[in-house]
N, C-alpha and C. Protein backbone atom coordinates (compact mmCIF):
# COMPACT_ATOMS: atom_id res chain seq x y z
N MET A 1 -1.84 -24.67 25.31
CA MET A 1 -1.97 -23.91 24.08
C MET A 1 -0.76 -24.18 23.21
N SER A 2 -0.99 -24.52 21.99
CA SER A 2 0.14 -24.75 21.10
C SER A 2 0.69 -23.42 20.60
N ALA A 3 1.95 -23.47 20.18
CA ALA A 3 2.57 -22.26 19.62
C ALA A 3 1.80 -21.78 18.41
N ASP A 4 1.25 -22.71 17.63
CA ASP A 4 0.48 -22.32 16.45
C ASP A 4 -0.78 -21.56 16.82
N SER A 5 -1.42 -21.92 17.93
CA SER A 5 -2.63 -21.22 18.37
C SER A 5 -2.32 -19.77 18.73
N ALA A 6 -1.22 -19.57 19.45
CA ALA A 6 -0.81 -18.20 19.80
C ALA A 6 -0.49 -17.42 18.53
N TRP A 7 0.19 -18.07 17.60
CA TRP A 7 0.52 -17.41 16.34
C TRP A 7 -0.74 -17.06 15.56
N ASP A 8 -1.72 -17.96 15.55
CA ASP A 8 -2.99 -17.69 14.87
C ASP A 8 -3.65 -16.43 15.42
N VAL A 9 -3.64 -16.28 16.74
CA VAL A 9 -4.23 -15.09 17.36
C VAL A 9 -3.44 -13.85 16.98
N GLN A 10 -2.11 -13.93 17.07
CA GLN A 10 -1.29 -12.76 16.73
C GLN A 10 -1.49 -12.35 15.28
N THR A 11 -1.52 -13.30 14.37
CA THR A 11 -1.69 -12.93 12.96
C THR A 11 -3.08 -12.35 12.70
N ALA A 12 -4.09 -12.85 13.41
CA ALA A 12 -5.44 -12.29 13.25
C ALA A 12 -5.49 -10.84 13.73
N ILE A 13 -4.86 -10.57 14.87
CA ILE A 13 -4.82 -9.20 15.40
C ILE A 13 -4.03 -8.31 14.45
N TYR A 14 -2.89 -8.79 13.97
CA TYR A 14 -2.09 -8.01 13.02
C TYR A 14 -2.92 -7.67 11.78
N SER A 15 -3.59 -8.66 11.23
CA SER A 15 -4.39 -8.43 10.02
C SER A 15 -5.50 -7.42 10.27
N ARG A 16 -6.12 -7.53 11.42
CA ARG A 16 -7.21 -6.60 11.76
C ARG A 16 -6.68 -5.17 11.87
N LEU A 17 -5.56 -4.99 12.60
CA LEU A 17 -5.01 -3.65 12.78
C LEU A 17 -4.47 -3.08 11.47
N SER A 18 -3.67 -3.87 10.76
CA SER A 18 -3.04 -3.35 9.53
C SER A 18 -4.05 -3.16 8.40
N GLY A 19 -5.23 -3.78 8.53
CA GLY A 19 -6.27 -3.63 7.52
C GLY A 19 -7.32 -2.58 7.85
N THR A 20 -7.11 -1.84 8.93
CA THR A 20 -8.08 -0.82 9.35
C THR A 20 -7.58 0.56 8.97
N SER A 21 -8.20 1.16 7.98
CA SER A 21 -7.73 2.45 7.46
C SER A 21 -7.80 3.56 8.49
N ALA A 22 -8.76 3.49 9.42
CA ALA A 22 -8.84 4.53 10.46
C ALA A 22 -7.58 4.54 11.33
N LEU A 23 -6.93 3.39 11.47
CA LEU A 23 -5.66 3.32 12.21
C LEU A 23 -4.48 3.61 11.29
N THR A 24 -4.39 2.92 10.17
CA THR A 24 -3.20 3.05 9.32
C THR A 24 -3.03 4.46 8.76
N ALA A 25 -4.13 5.20 8.62
CA ALA A 25 -4.03 6.60 8.16
C ALA A 25 -3.29 7.47 9.17
N LEU A 26 -3.22 7.03 10.42
CA LEU A 26 -2.54 7.80 11.47
C LEU A 26 -1.06 7.45 11.59
N LEU A 27 -0.62 6.39 10.92
CA LEU A 27 0.76 5.91 11.04
C LEU A 27 1.60 6.39 9.87
N ALA A 28 2.85 6.75 10.15
CA ALA A 28 3.73 7.30 9.10
C ALA A 28 3.90 6.33 7.94
N ALA A 29 4.00 5.03 8.22
CA ALA A 29 4.23 4.04 7.17
C ALA A 29 2.95 3.33 6.76
N GLY A 30 1.80 3.85 7.13
CA GLY A 30 0.54 3.20 6.79
C GLY A 30 0.46 1.82 7.43
N ALA A 31 -0.01 0.83 6.67
CA ALA A 31 -0.17 -0.53 7.21
C ALA A 31 1.16 -1.12 7.66
N ALA A 32 2.27 -0.71 7.04
CA ALA A 32 3.60 -1.20 7.44
C ALA A 32 4.00 -0.65 8.81
N GLY A 33 3.25 0.32 9.32
CA GLY A 33 3.51 0.87 10.64
C GLY A 33 2.95 0.03 11.77
N VAL A 34 2.35 -1.11 11.43
CA VAL A 34 1.92 -2.11 12.42
C VAL A 34 2.89 -3.27 12.28
N CYS A 35 3.60 -3.62 13.36
CA CYS A 35 4.63 -4.65 13.25
C CYS A 35 4.81 -5.39 14.57
N ASP A 36 5.57 -6.50 14.50
CA ASP A 36 5.96 -7.17 15.74
C ASP A 36 7.48 -7.10 15.91
N HIS A 37 8.13 -6.47 14.96
CA HIS A 37 9.56 -6.16 15.03
C HIS A 37 9.74 -4.80 14.37
N VAL A 38 10.37 -3.88 15.06
CA VAL A 38 10.52 -2.53 14.53
C VAL A 38 11.80 -2.47 13.69
N PRO A 39 11.66 -2.28 12.38
CA PRO A 39 12.85 -2.15 11.54
C PRO A 39 13.64 -0.90 11.90
N GLU A 40 14.92 -0.96 11.71
CA GLU A 40 15.77 0.21 11.98
C GLU A 40 15.31 1.37 11.11
N GLY A 41 15.20 2.53 11.71
CA GLY A 41 14.81 3.72 10.98
C GLY A 41 13.32 3.88 10.77
N MET A 42 12.51 3.06 11.43
CA MET A 42 11.05 3.16 11.28
C MET A 42 10.59 4.57 11.66
N ALA A 43 9.80 5.16 10.79
CA ALA A 43 9.29 6.51 11.03
C ALA A 43 8.18 6.47 12.08
N PHE A 44 8.15 7.50 12.92
CA PHE A 44 7.09 7.64 13.92
C PHE A 44 5.87 8.28 13.27
N PRO A 45 4.69 7.98 13.71
CA PRO A 45 4.28 7.02 14.73
C PRO A 45 4.14 5.62 14.15
N TYR A 46 4.21 4.62 15.06
CA TYR A 46 4.02 3.23 14.68
C TYR A 46 3.46 2.44 15.86
N VAL A 47 3.05 1.20 15.57
CA VAL A 47 2.40 0.32 16.55
C VAL A 47 3.13 -1.01 16.54
N VAL A 48 3.36 -1.57 17.74
CA VAL A 48 4.07 -2.84 17.87
C VAL A 48 3.22 -3.84 18.65
N LEU A 49 3.03 -5.02 18.06
CA LEU A 49 2.43 -6.12 18.81
C LEU A 49 3.53 -6.62 19.73
N SER A 50 3.34 -6.46 21.00
CA SER A 50 4.40 -6.67 21.98
C SER A 50 4.25 -8.02 22.67
N THR A 51 4.05 -8.02 23.96
CA THR A 51 4.00 -9.25 24.75
C THR A 51 2.69 -10.00 24.57
N LEU A 52 2.80 -11.31 24.39
CA LEU A 52 1.62 -12.17 24.31
C LEU A 52 1.76 -13.23 25.40
N GLN A 53 0.81 -13.25 26.33
CA GLN A 53 0.78 -14.27 27.38
C GLN A 53 -0.42 -15.16 27.12
N ALA A 54 -0.20 -16.48 27.15
CA ALA A 54 -1.28 -17.42 26.86
C ALA A 54 -1.42 -18.44 27.98
N GLN A 55 -2.66 -18.71 28.33
CA GLN A 55 -2.98 -19.72 29.34
C GLN A 55 -4.11 -20.59 28.81
N PRO A 56 -4.09 -21.87 29.20
CA PRO A 56 -5.23 -22.71 28.83
C PRO A 56 -6.49 -22.16 29.49
N GLY A 57 -7.57 -22.18 28.75
CA GLY A 57 -8.86 -21.75 29.28
C GLY A 57 -9.86 -22.87 29.13
N ASP A 58 -9.44 -24.07 29.52
CA ASP A 58 -10.24 -25.27 29.31
C ASP A 58 -11.52 -25.28 30.16
N THR A 59 -12.54 -25.88 29.58
CA THR A 59 -13.77 -26.18 30.30
C THR A 59 -13.99 -27.69 30.19
N GLN A 60 -15.07 -28.19 30.73
CA GLN A 60 -15.35 -29.62 30.62
C GLN A 60 -15.63 -30.03 29.17
N GLN A 61 -16.10 -29.10 28.37
CA GLN A 61 -16.47 -29.43 27.00
C GLN A 61 -15.41 -29.10 25.95
N THR A 62 -14.50 -28.19 26.24
CA THR A 62 -13.57 -27.74 25.20
C THR A 62 -12.25 -27.28 25.79
N HIS A 63 -11.27 -27.15 24.93
CA HIS A 63 -9.93 -26.69 25.33
C HIS A 63 -9.72 -25.30 24.74
N GLY A 64 -10.08 -24.28 25.49
CA GLY A 64 -9.96 -22.91 25.01
C GLY A 64 -8.65 -22.27 25.40
N TYR A 65 -8.49 -21.02 25.01
CA TYR A 65 -7.27 -20.27 25.28
C TYR A 65 -7.64 -18.89 25.80
N ASP A 66 -6.89 -18.45 26.79
CA ASP A 66 -7.08 -17.13 27.40
C ASP A 66 -5.77 -16.38 27.21
N ILE A 67 -5.80 -15.36 26.39
CA ILE A 67 -4.59 -14.67 25.96
C ILE A 67 -4.64 -13.21 26.39
N THR A 68 -3.51 -12.70 26.84
CA THR A 68 -3.35 -11.27 27.07
C THR A 68 -2.30 -10.77 26.10
N LEU A 69 -2.67 -9.83 25.27
CA LEU A 69 -1.76 -9.26 24.27
C LEU A 69 -1.55 -7.79 24.58
N SER A 70 -0.29 -7.39 24.64
CA SER A 70 0.06 -5.98 24.83
C SER A 70 0.39 -5.37 23.48
N ILE A 71 -0.16 -4.20 23.23
CA ILE A 71 0.09 -3.46 21.99
C ILE A 71 0.66 -2.11 22.39
N ALA A 72 1.87 -1.82 21.89
CA ALA A 72 2.55 -0.57 22.21
C ALA A 72 2.47 0.37 21.01
N SER A 73 2.24 1.63 21.28
CA SER A 73 2.20 2.67 20.25
C SER A 73 3.26 3.71 20.58
N TYR A 74 3.93 4.22 19.55
CA TYR A 74 5.00 5.20 19.76
C TYR A 74 4.77 6.40 18.85
N SER A 75 4.94 7.58 19.43
CA SER A 75 4.70 8.83 18.71
C SER A 75 5.74 9.86 19.13
N ARG A 76 6.05 10.73 18.22
CA ARG A 76 6.87 11.89 18.55
C ARG A 76 6.10 13.18 18.27
N GLY A 77 4.80 13.05 18.16
CA GLY A 77 3.95 14.22 17.98
C GLY A 77 3.98 15.08 19.23
N GLU A 78 3.72 16.35 19.04
CA GLU A 78 3.72 17.27 20.18
C GLU A 78 2.53 16.96 21.09
N GLY A 79 2.78 16.78 22.37
CA GLY A 79 1.72 16.44 23.32
C GLY A 79 1.24 15.01 23.12
N MET A 80 0.13 14.69 23.75
CA MET A 80 -0.40 13.32 23.71
C MET A 80 -1.49 13.12 22.66
N LYS A 81 -1.87 14.17 21.94
CA LYS A 81 -3.01 14.07 21.03
C LYS A 81 -2.82 12.98 19.97
N GLU A 82 -1.67 12.97 19.30
CA GLU A 82 -1.43 11.98 18.25
C GLU A 82 -1.47 10.57 18.83
N LEU A 83 -0.77 10.36 19.94
CA LEU A 83 -0.72 9.05 20.57
C LEU A 83 -2.12 8.60 21.00
N ARG A 84 -2.87 9.48 21.62
CA ARG A 84 -4.22 9.14 22.06
C ARG A 84 -5.14 8.81 20.88
N GLY A 85 -4.95 9.48 19.76
CA GLY A 85 -5.73 9.17 18.56
C GLY A 85 -5.44 7.77 18.05
N ILE A 86 -4.17 7.39 18.05
CA ILE A 86 -3.77 6.04 17.62
C ILE A 86 -4.36 5.00 18.57
N MET A 87 -4.25 5.26 19.86
CA MET A 87 -4.77 4.31 20.85
C MET A 87 -6.29 4.18 20.74
N ALA A 88 -6.97 5.27 20.45
CA ALA A 88 -8.43 5.22 20.27
C ALA A 88 -8.79 4.38 19.05
N ALA A 89 -8.01 4.51 17.97
CA ALA A 89 -8.26 3.72 16.77
C ALA A 89 -8.03 2.23 17.04
N ILE A 90 -7.02 1.90 17.82
CA ILE A 90 -6.78 0.50 18.19
C ILE A 90 -7.95 -0.03 19.02
N TYR A 91 -8.37 0.75 19.99
CA TYR A 91 -9.52 0.37 20.83
C TYR A 91 -10.75 0.12 19.96
N ASP A 92 -11.05 1.06 19.07
CA ASP A 92 -12.23 0.93 18.21
C ASP A 92 -12.14 -0.30 17.31
N THR A 93 -10.93 -0.68 16.93
CA THR A 93 -10.72 -1.81 16.03
C THR A 93 -10.85 -3.15 16.75
N LEU A 94 -10.45 -3.21 18.02
CA LEU A 94 -10.38 -4.51 18.70
C LEU A 94 -11.40 -4.72 19.82
N HIS A 95 -11.73 -3.69 20.57
CA HIS A 95 -12.57 -3.88 21.77
C HIS A 95 -13.97 -4.36 21.39
N ASP A 96 -14.35 -5.50 21.93
CA ASP A 96 -15.65 -6.13 21.67
C ASP A 96 -15.89 -6.40 20.19
N ALA A 97 -14.82 -6.53 19.43
CA ALA A 97 -14.94 -6.78 18.00
C ALA A 97 -15.15 -8.27 17.73
N SER A 98 -15.67 -8.56 16.57
CA SER A 98 -15.83 -9.92 16.09
C SER A 98 -14.99 -10.06 14.83
N PHE A 99 -14.06 -10.99 14.84
CA PHE A 99 -13.21 -11.21 13.66
C PHE A 99 -12.74 -12.66 13.65
N SER A 100 -12.22 -13.08 12.51
CA SER A 100 -11.80 -14.47 12.34
C SER A 100 -10.41 -14.70 12.91
N VAL A 101 -10.25 -15.85 13.56
CA VAL A 101 -8.95 -16.34 14.02
C VAL A 101 -8.80 -17.73 13.40
N PRO A 102 -7.73 -17.97 12.61
CA PRO A 102 -7.58 -19.28 11.98
C PRO A 102 -7.65 -20.42 12.99
N ASN A 103 -8.42 -21.44 12.66
CA ASN A 103 -8.54 -22.67 13.45
C ASN A 103 -9.18 -22.48 14.82
N GLN A 104 -9.75 -21.31 15.09
CA GLN A 104 -10.33 -21.04 16.40
C GLN A 104 -11.60 -20.21 16.25
N THR A 105 -12.39 -20.20 17.29
CA THR A 105 -13.57 -19.34 17.37
C THR A 105 -13.27 -18.26 18.39
N LEU A 106 -13.40 -17.02 17.99
CA LEU A 106 -13.19 -15.90 18.91
C LEU A 106 -14.40 -15.78 19.83
N ILE A 107 -14.15 -15.82 21.13
CA ILE A 107 -15.21 -15.66 22.12
C ILE A 107 -15.25 -14.22 22.63
N LEU A 108 -14.06 -13.63 22.84
CA LEU A 108 -13.98 -12.31 23.45
C LEU A 108 -12.69 -11.62 23.04
N CYS A 109 -12.78 -10.33 22.78
CA CYS A 109 -11.60 -9.48 22.63
C CYS A 109 -11.95 -8.16 23.31
N ARG A 110 -11.28 -7.89 24.42
CA ARG A 110 -11.66 -6.73 25.23
C ARG A 110 -10.41 -6.05 25.78
N GLN A 111 -10.39 -4.73 25.73
CA GLN A 111 -9.28 -3.99 26.32
C GLN A 111 -9.38 -4.08 27.84
N LEU A 112 -8.25 -4.43 28.47
CA LEU A 112 -8.17 -4.50 29.93
C LEU A 112 -7.66 -3.21 30.54
N SER A 113 -6.68 -2.59 29.87
CA SER A 113 -6.08 -1.38 30.43
C SER A 113 -5.34 -0.61 29.35
N SER A 114 -5.04 0.64 29.66
CA SER A 114 -4.21 1.45 28.78
C SER A 114 -3.44 2.45 29.64
N GLU A 115 -2.26 2.81 29.16
CA GLU A 115 -1.44 3.80 29.86
C GLU A 115 -0.56 4.52 28.84
N THR A 116 -0.18 5.72 29.19
CA THR A 116 0.73 6.50 28.34
C THR A 116 1.86 7.03 29.21
N GLN A 117 2.98 7.29 28.55
CA GLN A 117 4.11 7.88 29.27
C GLN A 117 5.04 8.57 28.29
N LEU A 118 5.81 9.50 28.81
CA LEU A 118 6.86 10.15 28.05
C LEU A 118 8.13 9.34 28.29
N GLU A 119 8.78 8.91 27.21
CA GLU A 119 9.99 8.10 27.33
C GLU A 119 11.15 8.95 27.85
N GLN A 120 12.23 8.29 28.23
CA GLN A 120 13.38 8.97 28.84
C GLN A 120 14.06 9.96 27.90
N ASP A 121 13.87 9.79 26.58
CA ASP A 121 14.50 10.74 25.65
C ASP A 121 13.81 12.10 25.68
N GLY A 122 12.66 12.19 26.35
CA GLY A 122 11.94 13.45 26.47
C GLY A 122 11.18 13.86 25.22
N VAL A 123 11.22 13.03 24.19
CA VAL A 123 10.58 13.34 22.91
C VAL A 123 9.53 12.30 22.53
N THR A 124 9.85 11.05 22.77
CA THR A 124 8.98 9.95 22.36
C THR A 124 7.91 9.69 23.42
N ARG A 125 6.69 9.56 22.95
CA ARG A 125 5.58 9.21 23.82
C ARG A 125 5.18 7.77 23.51
N ALA A 126 4.95 7.00 24.56
CA ALA A 126 4.60 5.59 24.40
C ALA A 126 3.24 5.32 25.02
N GLY A 127 2.46 4.52 24.35
CA GLY A 127 1.19 4.06 24.88
C GLY A 127 1.19 2.55 24.94
N LEU A 128 0.58 1.99 25.95
CA LEU A 128 0.49 0.54 26.09
C LEU A 128 -0.96 0.16 26.38
N GLN A 129 -1.48 -0.73 25.56
CA GLN A 129 -2.84 -1.24 25.74
C GLN A 129 -2.76 -2.75 25.91
N ARG A 130 -3.52 -3.27 26.85
CA ARG A 130 -3.57 -4.71 27.06
C ARG A 130 -4.97 -5.20 26.72
N PHE A 131 -5.01 -6.26 25.91
CA PHE A 131 -6.27 -6.85 25.49
C PHE A 131 -6.35 -8.29 25.94
N ARG A 132 -7.53 -8.69 26.38
CA ARG A 132 -7.79 -10.08 26.71
C ARG A 132 -8.55 -10.69 25.54
N ILE A 133 -8.04 -11.83 25.08
CA ILE A 133 -8.63 -12.53 23.95
C ILE A 133 -8.91 -13.96 24.39
N ILE A 134 -10.14 -14.40 24.25
CA ILE A 134 -10.50 -15.77 24.58
C ILE A 134 -10.96 -16.46 23.30
N THR A 135 -10.39 -17.64 23.05
CA THR A 135 -10.76 -18.41 21.87
C THR A 135 -11.02 -19.86 22.26
N GLU A 136 -11.71 -20.55 21.37
CA GLU A 136 -11.92 -21.99 21.48
C GLU A 136 -11.57 -22.61 20.14
N PRO A 137 -11.07 -23.84 20.13
CA PRO A 137 -10.78 -24.48 18.85
C PRO A 137 -12.06 -24.72 18.06
N VAL A 138 -11.92 -24.69 16.75
CA VAL A 138 -13.07 -24.93 15.87
C VAL A 138 -13.45 -26.39 15.94
């Protein structure tokens, strides 16, 4: 998998998340609350495109890609309700969705797992969702 292919997938996911009003309405900074680098002083809640793992998914006919992308959500809302709402919006936006990936054909986008936890500061709640994305070159 070329670095450009991984970048194409990440930018497609970013565009999908930041362009979904059901998600961005839940974030303090709106669409700017979806990022791959958290600016200093970012208001809670926000979403971060985190770890991206890519493996060749070649077949006899094509050279595909099998990607696992982790998406982290952070909230300081009381309890888990706010965080769970954000995670549900991410799920609804990506799970079994059909969307464009530059230079590739999207075969699958499916949530593999999700988890939540209270961070060590005792105030911040974190959610982590892992998605499997399979693509083939156009």
